[in-house]
Each structure stands twice: as C-alpha cells, then as structure tokens.
C-alpha cells in the first residue's frame, strides 16, 4: 500500500523548504554516521593495539610464574629424593651393624677364651731366662694378641643391644676430664689440641660410651693431620640440641668414601680395624644422637647432636 500526500499550489513553497531541511538533515545524519563509524574503527584499532601489547606481557608473566612453580617443585622433589637416599643409606648401615652384632655375640667370646690362655703361657715363657734371646718374639706375639683383643672388644661393643647406663650430667665435665689425655696424644705426635666449651644443658649419657666416642673421633682427627696440625673440640647449643664438634686440619675425606663411613671394617688407615666409626655410630644411636660430616681440603668436622632431655638445666 502506498500512501501519498497531495499539496495545493499555494503550499509548494513550503514543501520545497521542508524538502531542503529534510535533505540537509539526511546529509548531516550521514556525516554523523560516518564520524561514528570512523571513531568506532579508531577505537577498535586502539583496543587491538593495547591488546597486542598487553597479551605478550601477560603471557610472559604467566610463563615466568609457571617456571617459578616448576623450579620450586623440582627443588622439593630433589630434597625429598636426597632425604630418601640418606634414609636408605642409614637403614642399610644399621642392617649391616645389626648383622655384625649378631655374629659378634655368638663368636667373640669363644675366640677370647683360648686367646687368654695363649697370652698367659707366652708371658710365662717370656720370663724364662733360657728363652731370653726370644724375648722380642714373645713381645711381638703378646702385642698382636692384645691388638686382636682390642678388635674383639670393639666388635662386641657393636653387639650391645641393652640400654645404655644413662646418667644426667654435663658433657663439658666429661670432656674436661679427657683433655689431659688428648693433649698428651697430640703432643706426642707433634700436634695441638684445643677445647672450646660453651654453656650447655645437662644430658642423659653413658659416661663410658661417650668417652669412647670422643676418643675415637679425636684420635681419628689426630691421625688425619700432619705435624703442627690442630685438633679442635668445641661444644655449643643449637636449638633443642647439644652439639659436640670435632674438627681436624687434615686433607679431608674423599667423596667416594663419605657414604661408607660407619660401615664395619671399612678403613683408609694403614693398620686400622674399621670398627672405630661403626662403634661411634652405634653409641650415637643408643643416645638418639645424630652424626653429621662436613669435609673439604682444609679438614673434616664431625658434628654429634644430642637431643636435650625434657627437663634440663644449664651447666
């Protein structure tokens, strides 16, 4: 349907004016539409540019954040793997100690009995005047029997499953009593020994066992040094632990030997039995203590950390 309007002749001037107004408005609206279209296109370009500039930055930031997360997780996994390896090594070491202990309990006493008899007869023969020319031979045999007896004593110590005889006392007092002995050992080898003792809380320790532990670590340290070297024993508190440190100035322990420390019969010393450190680890275990080793070309430090008893006092 078409709708049309008819004008009279006298109205044509007004129609022409209205038409001009309509055309002008249409032109104006068209211009505005073009302006709006241009503004929209410009704004779209600006937004696109901003988006292109912003997205790479956001993507890079996200990548860096993701890399940080990966690095953190990698460190955690590495730490867990290392910790698990240390635990497995400790378990293997304890299993070996347990096997050695079981063998020692059944064998060592039987070996000691005939040795005692042999030593007694050697001493008797040694004092006979007609055998005086063989005295050096008797001395050597008795010395070797005593050395064998020492090995068996250490061997038996590994078999001790009974609880240690613990007494509440200060570790510093025990070390002070040992100082003259260690000082004499060091002096006889042309070396020095220093004690640096800080205030400690009392510990529940077995005097005989801790004495043996200190002597073993100290004498190992002296053996590791050349003349004029200095052995340093010091004690200090570290959180909830009482720490004994034994530091030498030797050449350090080879990396391939670190994992074998505490293994029965493993030794790098000529004439060594390989039972000194296993005995130390066995004593530490009975005292719930932890042993840490730090070594380098400037020397080795053994750190023995004893947990504090529940009720303690400073000495």
C-alpha atoms as a PDB file:
ATOM      1  CA  UNK A   1       0.000   0.000   0.000  1.00  0.00           C
ATOM      2  CA  UNK A   2       1.296   3.424  -1.000  1.00  0.00           C
ATOM      3  CA  UNK A   3       0.409   6.498   0.977  1.00  0.00           C
ATOM      4  CA  UNK A   4       0.804   9.841  -0.753  1.00  0.00           C
ATOM      5  CA  UNK A   5       0.136  13.378   0.252  1.00  0.00           C
ATOM      6  CA  UNK A   6      -1.108  15.983  -2.261  1.00  0.00           C
ATOM      7  CA  UNK A   7      -0.262  19.622  -1.834  1.00  0.00           C
ATOM      8  CA  UNK A   8      -2.115  22.636  -3.132  1.00  0.00           C
ATOM      9  CA  UNK A   9      -0.262  25.049  -5.412  1.00  0.00           C
ATOM     10  CA  UNK A  10      -0.014  27.679  -2.676  1.00  0.00           C
ATOM     11  CA  UNK A  11       1.767  25.176  -0.418  1.00  0.00           C
ATOM     12  CA  UNK A  12       4.574  24.262  -2.851  1.00  0.00           C
ATOM     13  CA  UNK A  13       6.995  26.853  -1.441  1.00  0.00           C
ATOM     14  CA  UNK A  14       6.637  25.293   1.994  1.00  0.00           C
ATOM     15  CA  UNK A  15       7.116  21.803   0.539  1.00  0.00           C
ATOM     16  CA  UNK A  16      10.325  22.876  -1.147  1.00  0.00           C
ATOM     17  CA  UNK A  17      11.596  24.339   2.151  1.00  0.00           C
ATOM     18  CA  UNK A  18      10.677  21.187   4.032  1.00  0.00           C
ATOM     19  CA  UNK A  19      12.417  19.099   1.432  1.00  0.00           C
ATOM     20  CA  UNK A  20      15.610  21.132   1.763  1.00  0.00           C
ATOM     21  CA  UNK A  21      15.512  20.750   5.527  1.00  0.00           C
ATOM     22  CA  UNK A  22      14.989  17.014   5.146  1.00  0.00           C
ATOM     23  CA  UNK A  23      17.877  16.686   2.696  1.00  0.00           C
ATOM     24  CA  UNK A  24      20.166  18.731   4.978  1.00  0.00           C
ATOM     25  CA  UNK A  25      19.229  16.597   7.983  1.00  0.00           C
ATOM     26  CA  UNK A  26      19.827  13.455   5.984  1.00  0.00           C
ATOM     27  CA  UNK A  27      23.234  14.727   4.911  1.00  0.00           C
ATOM     28  CA  UNK A  28      24.020  15.723   8.477  1.00  0.00           C
ATOM     29  CA  UNK A  29      22.947  12.324   9.839  1.00  0.00           C
ATOM     30  CA  UNK A  30      25.006  10.585   7.176  1.00  0.00           C
ATOM     31  CA  UNK A  31      28.036  12.653   8.168  1.00  0.00           C
ATOM     32  CA  UNK A  32      27.450  11.825  11.808  1.00  0.00           C
ATOM     33  CA  UNK A  33      27.161   8.166  10.890  1.00  0.00           C
ATOM     34  CA  UNK A  34      30.475   8.318   9.032  1.00  0.00           C
ATOM     35  CA  UNK A  35      32.041  10.114  12.001  1.00  0.00           C
ATOM     36  CA  UNK A  36      30.760   7.473  14.378  1.00  0.00           C
ATOM     37  CA  UNK A  37      31.988   4.729  12.080  1.00  0.00           C
ATOM     38  CA  UNK A  38      35.434   6.347  11.957  1.00  0.00           C
ATOM     39  CA  UNK A  39      35.517   6.754  15.734  1.00  0.00           C
ATOM     40  CA  UNK A  40      34.497   3.110  16.156  1.00  0.00           C
ATOM     41  CA  UNK A  41      37.199   1.959  13.773  1.00  0.00           C
ATOM     42  CA  UNK A  42      39.822   4.108  15.509  1.00  0.00           C
ATOM     43  CA  UNK A  43      38.758   2.832  18.925  1.00  0.00           C
ATOM     44  CA  UNK A  44      38.855  -0.736  17.646  1.00  0.00           C
ATOM     45  CA  UNK A  45      42.390  -0.209  16.375  1.00  0.00           C
ATOM     46  CA  UNK A  46      43.459   1.293  19.705  1.00  0.00           C
ATOM     47  CA  UNK A  47      41.951  -1.581  21.657  1.00  0.00           C
ATOM     48  CA  UNK A  48      43.556  -4.086  19.328  1.00  0.00           C
ATOM     49  CA  UNK A  49      46.960  -2.435  19.749  1.00  0.00           C
ATOM     50  CA  UNK A  50      46.563  -2.362  23.533  1.00  0.00           C
ATOM     51  CA  UNK A  51      45.537  -5.980  23.474  1.00  0.00           C
ATOM     52  CA  UNK A  52      48.514  -6.920  21.320  1.00  0.00           C
ATOM     53  CA  UNK A  53      50.849  -5.039  23.672  1.00  0.00           C
ATOM     54  CA  UNK A  54      49.286  -6.388  26.844  1.00  0.00           C
ATOM     55  CA  UNK A  55      48.874 -10.065  25.972  1.00  0.00           C
ATOM     56  CA  UNK A  56      52.595 -10.792  25.371  1.00  0.00           C
ATOM     57  CA  UNK A  57      53.377  -9.226  28.736  1.00  0.00           C
ATOM     58  CA  UNK A  58      50.681 -11.241  30.456  1.00  0.00           C
ATOM     59  CA  UNK A  59      51.804 -14.372  28.651  1.00  0.00           C
ATOM     60  CA  UNK A  60      55.420 -13.742  29.698  1.00  0.00           C
ATOM     61  CA  UNK A  61      54.332 -13.116  33.285  1.00  0.00           C
ATOM     62  CA  UNK A  62      52.322 -16.317  33.299  1.00  0.00           C
ATOM     63  CA  UNK A  63      55.262 -18.211  31.829  1.00  0.00           C
ATOM     64  CA  UNK A  64      57.596 -16.849  34.497  1.00  0.00           C
ATOM     65  CA  UNK A  65      55.142 -17.718  37.258  1.00  0.00           C
ATOM     66  CA  UNK A  66      54.791 -21.223  35.851  1.00  0.00           C
ATOM     67  CA  UNK A  67      58.577 -21.558  35.655  1.00  0.00           C
ATOM     68  CA  UNK A  68      58.883 -20.488  39.304  1.00  0.00           C
ATOM     69  CA  UNK A  69      56.322 -23.110  40.314  1.00  0.00           C
ATOM     70  CA  UNK A  70      58.201 -25.768  38.327  1.00  0.00           C
ATOM     71  CA  UNK A  71      61.524 -24.737  39.912  1.00  0.00           C
ATOM     72  CA  UNK A  72      60.037 -24.862  43.421  1.00  0.00           C
ATOM     73  CA  UNK A  73      58.515 -28.300  42.821  1.00  0.00           C
ATOM     74  CA  UNK A  74      61.807 -29.528  41.341  1.00  0.00           C
ATOM     75  CA  UNK A  75      63.690 -28.366  44.440  1.00  0.00           C
ATOM     76  CA  UNK A  76      61.151 -30.056  46.711  1.00  0.00           C
ATOM     77  CA  UNK A  77      61.386 -33.319  44.769  1.00  0.00           C
ATOM     78  CA  UNK A  78      65.197 -33.159  44.754  1.00  0.00           C
ATOM     79  CA  UNK A  79      65.213 -32.582  48.523  1.00  0.00           C
ATOM     80  CA  UNK A  80      62.817 -35.486  49.082  1.00  0.00           C
ATOM     81  CA  UNK A  81      64.910 -37.796  46.862  1.00  0.00           C
ATOM     82  CA  UNK A  82      68.123 -36.823  48.675  1.00  0.00           C
ATOM     83  CA  UNK A  83      66.452 -37.293  52.045  1.00  0.00           C
ATOM     84  CA  UNK A  84      65.141 -40.695  50.984  1.00  0.00           C
ATOM     85  CA  UNK A  85      68.596 -41.729  49.764  1.00  0.00           C
ATOM     86  CA  UNK A  86      70.105 -40.685  53.117  1.00  0.00           C
ATOM     87  CA  UNK A  87      67.454 -42.668  54.976  1.00  0.00           C
ATOM     88  CA  UNK A  88      68.061 -45.727  52.794  1.00  0.00           C
ATOM     89  CA  UNK A  89      71.807 -45.467  53.421  1.00  0.00           C
ATOM     90  CA  UNK A  90      71.215 -45.202  57.171  1.00  0.00           C
ATOM     91  CA  UNK A  91      68.872 -48.197  57.100  1.00  0.00           C
ATOM     92  CA  UNK A  92      71.421 -50.241  55.138  1.00  0.00           C
ATOM     93  CA  UNK A  93      74.151 -49.200  57.564  1.00  0.00           C
ATOM     94  CA  UNK A  94      72.040 -50.154  60.575  1.00  0.00           C
ATOM     95  CA  UNK A  95      71.212 -53.512  58.988  1.00  0.00           C
ATOM     96  CA  UNK A  96      74.922 -54.204  58.493  1.00  0.00           C
ATOM     97  CA  UNK A  97      75.600 -53.187  62.083  1.00  0.00           C
ATOM     98  CA  UNK A  98      72.842 -55.498  63.269  1.00  0.00           C
ATOM     99  CA  UNK A  99      74.279 -58.436  61.303  1.00  0.00           C
ATOM    100  CA  UNK A 100      77.765 -57.728  62.646  1.00  0.00           C
ATOM    101  CA  UNK A 101      76.334 -57.521  66.161  1.00  0.00           C
ATOM    102  CA  UNK A 102      74.587 -60.865  65.881  1.00  0.00           C
ATOM    103  CA  UNK A 103      77.764 -62.510  64.626  1.00  0.00           C
ATOM    104  CA  UNK A 104      79.819 -60.861  67.349  1.00  0.00           C
ATOM    105  CA  UNK A 105      77.527 -62.003  70.150  1.00  0.00           C
ATOM    106  CA  UNK A 106      77.927 -65.652  69.194  1.00  0.00           C
ATOM    107  CA  UNK A 107      81.565 -65.710  68.148  1.00  0.00           C
ATOM    108  CA  UNK A 108      83.698 -63.189  70.023  1.00  0.00           C
ATOM    109  CA  UNK A 109      83.505 -64.760  73.482  1.00  0.00           C
ATOM    110  CA  UNK A 110      84.509 -68.159  72.098  1.00  0.00           C
ATOM    111  CA  UNK A 111      87.570 -66.642  70.427  1.00  0.00           C
ATOM    112  CA  UNK A 112      88.617 -64.697  73.516  1.00  0.00           C
ATOM    113  CA  UNK A 113      88.855 -67.693  75.822  1.00  0.00           C
ATOM    114  CA  UNK A 114      91.715 -69.555  74.030  1.00  0.00           C
ATOM    115  CA  UNK A 115      93.474 -66.219  73.404  1.00  0.00           C
ATOM    116  CA  UNK A 116      93.610 -65.572  77.141  1.00  0.00           C
ATOM    117  CA  UNK A 117      95.218 -68.971  77.680  1.00  0.00           C
ATOM    118  CA  UNK A 118      97.793 -68.403  74.915  1.00  0.00           C
ATOM    119  CA  UNK A 119      98.706 -64.965  76.296  1.00  0.00           C
ATOM    120  CA  UNK A 120      99.230 -66.383  79.757  1.00  0.00           C
ATOM    121  CA  UNK A 121     101.624 -69.082  78.534  1.00  0.00           C
ATOM    122  CA  UNK A 122     103.535 -66.556  76.417  1.00  0.00           C
ATOM    123  CA  UNK A 123     104.049 -64.334  79.446  1.00  0.00           C
ATOM    124  CA  UNK A 124     105.279 -67.327  81.446  1.00  0.00           C
ATOM    125  CA  UNK A 125     107.740 -68.355  78.711  1.00  0.00           C
ATOM    126  CA  UNK A 126     108.829 -64.743  78.274  1.00  0.00           C
ATOM    127  CA  UNK A 127     110.193 -64.692  81.852  1.00  0.00           C
ATOM    128  CA  UNK A 128     112.314 -67.834  81.483  1.00  0.00           C
ATOM    129  CA  UNK A 129     115.999 -66.996  81.432  1.00  0.00           C
ATOM    130  CA  UNK A 130     116.909 -69.678  78.893  1.00  0.00           C
ATOM    131  CA  UNK A 131     114.412 -68.122  76.437  1.00  0.00           C
ATOM    132  CA  UNK A 132     115.554 -64.541  76.983  1.00  0.00           C
ATOM    133  CA  UNK A 133     117.016 -64.361  73.479  1.00  0.00           C
ATOM    134  CA  UNK A 134     113.486 -64.795  72.117  1.00  0.00           C
ATOM    135  CA  UNK A 135     112.014 -62.031  74.262  1.00  0.00           C
ATOM    136  CA  UNK A 136     111.402 -59.736  71.264  1.00  0.00           C
ATOM    137  CA  UNK A 137     109.401 -62.520  69.607  1.00  0.00           C
ATOM    138  CA  UNK A 138     107.294 -63.032  72.716  1.00  0.00           C
ATOM    139  CA  UNK A 139     106.715 -59.271  72.977  1.00  0.00           C
ATOM    140  CA  UNK A 140     105.532 -59.164  69.375  1.00  0.00           C
ATOM    141  CA  UNK A 141     103.163 -62.112  69.851  1.00  0.00           C
ATOM    142  CA  UNK A 142     101.698 -60.640  73.044  1.00  0.00           C
ATOM    143  CA  UNK A 143     101.311 -57.265  71.315  1.00  0.00           C
ATOM    144  CA  UNK A 144      99.425 -58.871  68.431  1.00  0.00           C
ATOM    145  CA  UNK A 145      97.202 -60.802  70.847  1.00  0.00           C
ATOM    146  CA  UNK A 146      96.396 -57.556  72.664  1.00  0.00           C
ATOM    147  CA  UNK A 147      95.597 -55.898  69.344  1.00  0.00           C
ATOM    148  CA  UNK A 148      93.314 -58.790  68.444  1.00  0.00           C
ATOM    149  CA  UNK A 149      91.648 -58.488  71.842  1.00  0.00           C
ATOM    150  CA  UNK A 150      91.047 -54.778  71.197  1.00  0.00           C
ATOM    151  CA  UNK A 151      89.399 -55.595  67.876  1.00  0.00           C
ATOM    152  CA  UNK A 152      87.146 -58.154  69.573  1.00  0.00           C
ATOM    153  CA  UNK A 153      86.262 -55.628  72.306  1.00  0.00           C
ATOM    154  CA  UNK A 154      85.172 -53.117  69.661  1.00  0.00           C
ATOM    155  CA  UNK A 155      83.399 -55.912  67.828  1.00  0.00           C
ATOM    156  CA  UNK A 156      81.447 -56.804  70.974  1.00  0.00           C
ATOM    157  CA  UNK A 157      80.543 -53.176  71.522  1.00  0.00           C
ATOM    158  CA  UNK A 158      78.632 -53.251  68.239  1.00  0.00           C
ATOM    159  CA  UNK A 159      76.552 -56.140  69.568  1.00  0.00           C
ATOM    160  CA  UNK A 160      75.288 -54.272  72.610  1.00  0.00           C
ATOM    161  CA  UNK A 161      71.515 -54.184  72.355  1.00  0.00           C
ATOM    162  CA  UNK A 162      70.995 -53.473  76.044  1.00  0.00           C
ATOM    163  CA  UNK A 163      70.083 -49.888  77.030  1.00  0.00           C
ATOM    164  CA  UNK A 164      72.971 -47.608  77.869  1.00  0.00           C
ATOM    165  CA  UNK A 165      73.519 -46.714  81.544  1.00  0.00           C
ATOM    166  CA  UNK A 166      72.370 -43.125  81.326  1.00  0.00           C
ATOM    167  CA  UNK A 167      73.123 -40.519  83.952  1.00  0.00           C
ATOM    168  CA  UNK A 168      72.213 -36.838  83.957  1.00  0.00           C
ATOM    169  CA  UNK A 169      75.477 -34.898  83.637  1.00  0.00           C
ATOM    170  CA  UNK A 170      77.208 -32.150  81.685  1.00  0.00           C
ATOM    171  CA  UNK A 171      79.113 -33.098  78.555  1.00  0.00           C
ATOM    172  CA  UNK A 172      81.660 -30.343  79.260  1.00  0.00           C
ATOM    173  CA  UNK A 173      82.756 -32.013  82.518  1.00  0.00           C
ATOM    174  CA  UNK A 174      83.377 -35.297  80.714  1.00  0.00           C
ATOM    175  CA  UNK A 175      85.434 -33.501  78.046  1.00  0.00           C
ATOM    176  CA  UNK A 176      87.410 -31.605  80.664  1.00  0.00           C
ATOM    177  CA  UNK A 177      88.432 -34.915  82.243  1.00  0.00           C
ATOM    178  CA  UNK A 178      89.588 -36.194  78.839  1.00  0.00           C
ATOM    179  CA  UNK A 179      91.536 -33.050  77.918  1.00  0.00           C
ATOM    180  CA  UNK A 180      94.895 -34.076  79.540  1.00  0.00           C
ATOM    181  CA  UNK A 181      94.797 -37.448  77.761  1.00  0.00           C
ATOM    182  CA  UNK A 182      94.059 -35.945  74.347  1.00  0.00           C
ATOM    183  CA  UNK A 183      96.604 -33.185  74.899  1.00  0.00           C
ATOM    184  CA  UNK A 184      99.266 -35.826  75.639  1.00  0.00           C
ATOM    185  CA  UNK A 185      98.286 -37.786  72.495  1.00  0.00           C
ATOM    186  CA  UNK A 186      98.538 -34.660  70.362  1.00  0.00           C
ATOM    187  CA  UNK A 187     101.843 -33.565  71.902  1.00  0.00           C
ATOM    188  CA  UNK A 188     103.405 -36.993  71.305  1.00  0.00           C
ATOM    189  CA  UNK A 189     102.624 -36.594  67.578  1.00  0.00           C
ATOM    190  CA  UNK A 190     103.835 -33.006  67.306  1.00  0.00           C
ATOM    191  CA  UNK A 191     100.274 -31.679  67.023  1.00  0.00           C
ATOM    192  CA  UNK A 192      97.979 -29.386  69.014  1.00  0.00           C
ATOM    193  CA  UNK A 193      94.606 -29.873  70.683  1.00  0.00           C
ATOM    194  CA  UNK A 194      92.188 -27.079  71.638  1.00  0.00           C
ATOM    195  CA  UNK A 195      88.952 -27.228  73.644  1.00  0.00           C
ATOM    196  CA  UNK A 196      86.283 -24.522  73.170  1.00  0.00           C
ATOM    197  CA  UNK A 197      83.388 -25.258  75.509  1.00  0.00           C
ATOM    198  CA  UNK A 198      80.217 -23.172  75.783  1.00  0.00           C
ATOM    199  CA  UNK A 199      77.457 -23.371  78.395  1.00  0.00           C
ATOM    200  CA  UNK A 200      75.322 -26.470  77.878  1.00  0.00           C
ATOM    201  CA  UNK A 201      72.248 -28.108  79.282  1.00  0.00           C
ATOM    202  CA  UNK A 202      72.841 -31.416  81.074  1.00  0.00           C
ATOM    203  CA  UNK A 203      72.365 -34.635  79.114  1.00  0.00           C
ATOM    204  CA  UNK A 204      71.395 -38.207  79.901  1.00  0.00           C
ATOM    205  CA  UNK A 205      74.532 -40.031  78.746  1.00  0.00           C
ATOM    206  CA  UNK A 206      76.557 -43.154  79.438  1.00  0.00           C
ATOM    207  CA  UNK A 207      79.961 -41.909  80.613  1.00  0.00           C
ATOM    208  CA  UNK A 208      81.951 -44.893  79.336  1.00  0.00           C
ATOM    209  CA  UNK A 209      80.308 -44.911  75.918  1.00  0.00           C
ATOM    210  CA  UNK A 210      80.577 -41.161  75.312  1.00  0.00           C
ATOM    211  CA  UNK A 211      84.208 -41.286  76.470  1.00  0.00           C
ATOM    212  CA  UNK A 212      84.847 -43.980  73.859  1.00  0.00           C
ATOM    213  CA  UNK A 213      83.029 -41.934  71.204  1.00  0.00           C
ATOM    214  CA  UNK A 214      85.069 -38.788  71.935  1.00  0.00           C
ATOM    215  CA  UNK A 215      88.371 -40.674  71.978  1.00  0.00           C
ATOM    216  CA  UNK A 216      87.613 -42.400  68.662  1.00  0.00           C
ATOM    217  CA  UNK A 217      86.700 -39.170  66.880  1.00  0.00           C
ATOM    218  CA  UNK A 218      89.607 -37.257  68.403  1.00  0.00           C
ATOM    219  CA  UNK A 219      92.230 -39.901  67.589  1.00  0.00           C
ATOM    220  CA  UNK A 220      90.892 -40.243  64.048  1.00  0.00           C
ATOM    221  CA  UNK A 221      91.290 -36.488  63.701  1.00  0.00           C
ATOM    222  CA  UNK A 222      94.853 -36.587  65.024  1.00  0.00           C
ATOM    223  CA  UNK A 223      95.736 -39.430  62.634  1.00  0.00           C
ATOM    224  CA  UNK A 224      94.338 -37.434  59.697  1.00  0.00           C
ATOM    225  CA  UNK A 225      96.691 -34.469  60.273  1.00  0.00           C
ATOM    226  CA  UNK A 226     100.331 -33.853  59.538  1.00  0.00           C
ATOM    227  CA  UNK A 227     102.629 -32.478  62.273  1.00  0.00           C
ATOM    228  CA  UNK A 228     101.738 -28.977  63.566  1.00  0.00           C
ATOM    229  CA  UNK A 229      98.081 -29.617  62.791  1.00  0.00           C
ATOM    230  CA  UNK A 230      95.468 -28.547  65.314  1.00  0.00           C
ATOM    231  CA  UNK A 231      92.517 -30.589  66.582  1.00  0.00           C
ATOM    232  CA  UNK A 232      89.605 -28.518  67.904  1.00  0.00           C
ATOM    233  CA  UNK A 233      86.820 -29.877  70.093  1.00  0.00           C
ATOM    234  CA  UNK A 234      84.023 -27.492  70.915  1.00  0.00           C
ATOM    235  CA  UNK A 235      80.514 -27.687  72.313  1.00  0.00           C
ATOM    236  CA  UNK A 236      77.536 -25.390  71.832  1.00  0.00           C
ATOM    237  CA  UNK A 237      73.753 -25.237  71.861  1.00  0.00           C
ATOM    238  CA  UNK A 238      71.825 -25.398  68.583  1.00  0.00           C
ATOM    239  CA  UNK A 239      68.078 -25.168  69.105  1.00  0.00           C
ATOM    240  CA  UNK A 240      66.987 -28.235  71.040  1.00  0.00           C
ATOM    241  CA  UNK A 241      70.329 -29.988  70.542  1.00  0.00           C
ATOM    242  CA  UNK A 242      73.611 -30.107  72.441  1.00  0.00           C
ATOM    243  CA  UNK A 243      76.326 -30.263  69.785  1.00  0.00           C
ATOM    244  CA  UNK A 244      79.824 -31.716  70.053  1.00  0.00           C
ATOM    245  CA  UNK A 245      82.123 -30.697  67.198  1.00  0.00           C
ATOM    246  CA  UNK A 246      85.439 -32.426  66.430  1.00  0.00           C
ATOM    247  CA  UNK A 247      87.397 -30.575  63.738  1.00  0.00           C
ATOM    248  CA  UNK A 248      90.774 -31.519  62.260  1.00  0.00           C
ATOM    249  CA  UNK A 249      93.076 -29.798  59.759  1.00  0.00           C
ATOM    250  CA  UNK A 250      93.709 -32.794  57.544  1.00  0.00           C
ATOM    251  CA  UNK A 251      93.231 -33.097  53.790  1.00  0.00           C
ATOM    252  CA  UNK A 252      89.563 -34.130  54.040  1.00  0.00           C
ATOM    253  CA  UNK A 253      87.677 -37.293  53.152  1.00  0.00           C
ATOM    254  CA  UNK A 254      87.286 -38.387  49.527  1.00  0.00           C
ATOM    255  CA  UNK A 255      83.746 -38.021  48.203  1.00  0.00           C
ATOM    256  CA  UNK A 256      83.512 -41.724  47.318  1.00  0.00           C
ATOM    257  CA  UNK A 257      84.309 -42.651  50.939  1.00  0.00           C
ATOM    258  CA  UNK A 258      81.659 -40.451  52.586  1.00  0.00           C
ATOM    259  CA  UNK A 259      78.816 -42.918  52.036  1.00  0.00           C
ATOM    260  CA  UNK A 260      80.892 -45.740  53.525  1.00  0.00           C
ATOM    261  CA  UNK A 261      81.621 -44.005  56.823  1.00  0.00           C
ATOM    262  CA  UNK A 262      80.347 -46.150  59.676  1.00  0.00           C
ATOM    263  CA  UNK A 263      80.480 -49.353  57.650  1.00  0.00           C
ATOM    264  CA  UNK A 264      82.128 -52.124  59.694  1.00  0.00           C
ATOM    265  CA  UNK A 265      85.696 -52.954  58.600  1.00  0.00           C
ATOM    266  CA  UNK A 266      85.887 -50.032  56.166  1.00  0.00           C
ATOM    267  CA  UNK A 267      89.080 -48.062  56.798  1.00  0.00           C
ATOM    268  CA  UNK A 268      91.600 -45.970  54.878  1.00  0.00           C
ATOM    269  CA  UNK A 269      94.214 -46.070  57.658  1.00  0.00           C
ATOM    270  CA  UNK A 270      97.118 -48.467  57.465  1.00  0.00           C
ATOM    271  CA  UNK A 271      96.692 -50.937  60.291  1.00  0.00           C
ATOM    272  CA  UNK A 272      93.161 -49.717  61.036  1.00  0.00           C
ATOM    273  CA  UNK A 273      90.422 -52.156  62.003  1.00  0.00           C
ATOM    274  CA  UNK A 274      87.484 -50.280  60.514  1.00  0.00           C
ATOM    275  CA  UNK A 275      85.495 -50.643  63.750  1.00  0.00           C
ATOM    276  CA  UNK A 276      86.091 -47.255  65.376  1.00  0.00           C
ATOM    277  CA  UNK A 277      83.468 -45.257  63.452  1.00  0.00           C
ATOM    278  CA  UNK A 278      80.866 -48.060  63.450  1.00  0.00           C
ATOM    279  CA  UNK A 279      81.243 -48.109  67.231  1.00  0.00           C
ATOM    280  CA  UNK A 280      80.683 -44.333  67.318  1.00  0.00           C
ATOM    281  CA  UNK A 281      77.540 -44.637  65.181  1.00  0.00           C
ATOM    282  CA  UNK A 282      76.295 -47.452  67.424  1.00  0.00           C
ATOM    283  CA  UNK A 283      76.850 -45.337  70.568  1.00  0.00           C
ATOM    284  CA  UNK A 284      75.187 -42.325  68.944  1.00  0.00           C
ATOM    285  CA  UNK A 285      72.176 -44.450  68.041  1.00  0.00           C
ATOM    286  CA  UNK A 286      71.767 -45.605  71.653  1.00  0.00           C
ATOM    287  CA  UNK A 287      71.796 -41.950  72.733  1.00  0.00           C
ATOM    288  CA  UNK A 288      69.367 -40.883  69.950  1.00  0.00           C
ATOM    289  CA  UNK A 289      72.125 -38.621  68.637  1.00  0.00           C
ATOM    290  CA  UNK A 290      72.733 -37.596  65.027  1.00  0.00           C
ATOM    291  CA  UNK A 291      76.153 -37.561  63.336  1.00  0.00           C
ATOM    292  CA  UNK A 292      76.897 -35.119  60.519  1.00  0.00           C
ATOM    293  CA  UNK A 293      80.115 -34.906  58.492  1.00  0.00           C
ATOM    294  CA  UNK A 294      81.499 -31.780  56.825  1.00  0.00           C
ATOM    295  CA  UNK A 295      84.701 -32.228  54.869  1.00  0.00           C
ATOM    296  CA  UNK A 296      86.890 -30.301  52.486  1.00  0.00           C
ATOM    297  CA  UNK A 297      90.515 -29.782  51.513  1.00  0.00           C
ATOM    298  CA  UNK A 298      91.071 -27.774  54.708  1.00  0.00           C
ATOM    299  CA  UNK A 299      89.897 -30.539  57.046  1.00  0.00           C
ATOM    300  CA  UNK A 300      86.955 -32.525  58.362  1.00  0.00           C
ATOM    301  CA  UNK A 301      84.389 -31.758  61.046  1.00  0.00           C
ATOM    302  CA  UNK A 302      82.203 -34.333  62.775  1.00  0.00           C
ATOM    303  CA  UNK A 303      79.112 -32.882  64.452  1.00  0.00           C
ATOM    304  CA  UNK A 304      77.337 -35.050  67.030  1.00  0.00           C
ATOM    305  CA  UNK A 305      73.927 -33.647  68.004  1.00  0.00           C
ATOM    306  CA  UNK A 306      72.439 -34.899  71.280  1.00  0.00           C
ATOM    307  CA  UNK A 307      68.747 -34.167  71.939  1.00  0.00           C
ATOM    308  CA  UNK A 308      68.034 -32.381  75.207  1.00  0.00           C
ATOM    309  CA  UNK A 309      66.165 -34.249  77.917  1.00  0.00           C
ATOM    310  CA  UNK A 310      62.680 -32.951  78.654  1.00  0.00           C
ATOM    311  CA  UNK A 311      63.753 -31.293  81.909  1.00  0.00           C
ATOM    312  CA  UNK A 312      67.168 -29.714  81.731  1.00  0.00           C
ATOM    313  CA  UNK A 313      69.328 -27.166  83.484  1.00  0.00           C
ATOM    314  CA  UNK A 314      72.272 -25.073  82.235  1.00  0.00           C
ATOM    315  CA  UNK A 315      75.718 -26.105  83.484  1.00  0.00           C
END
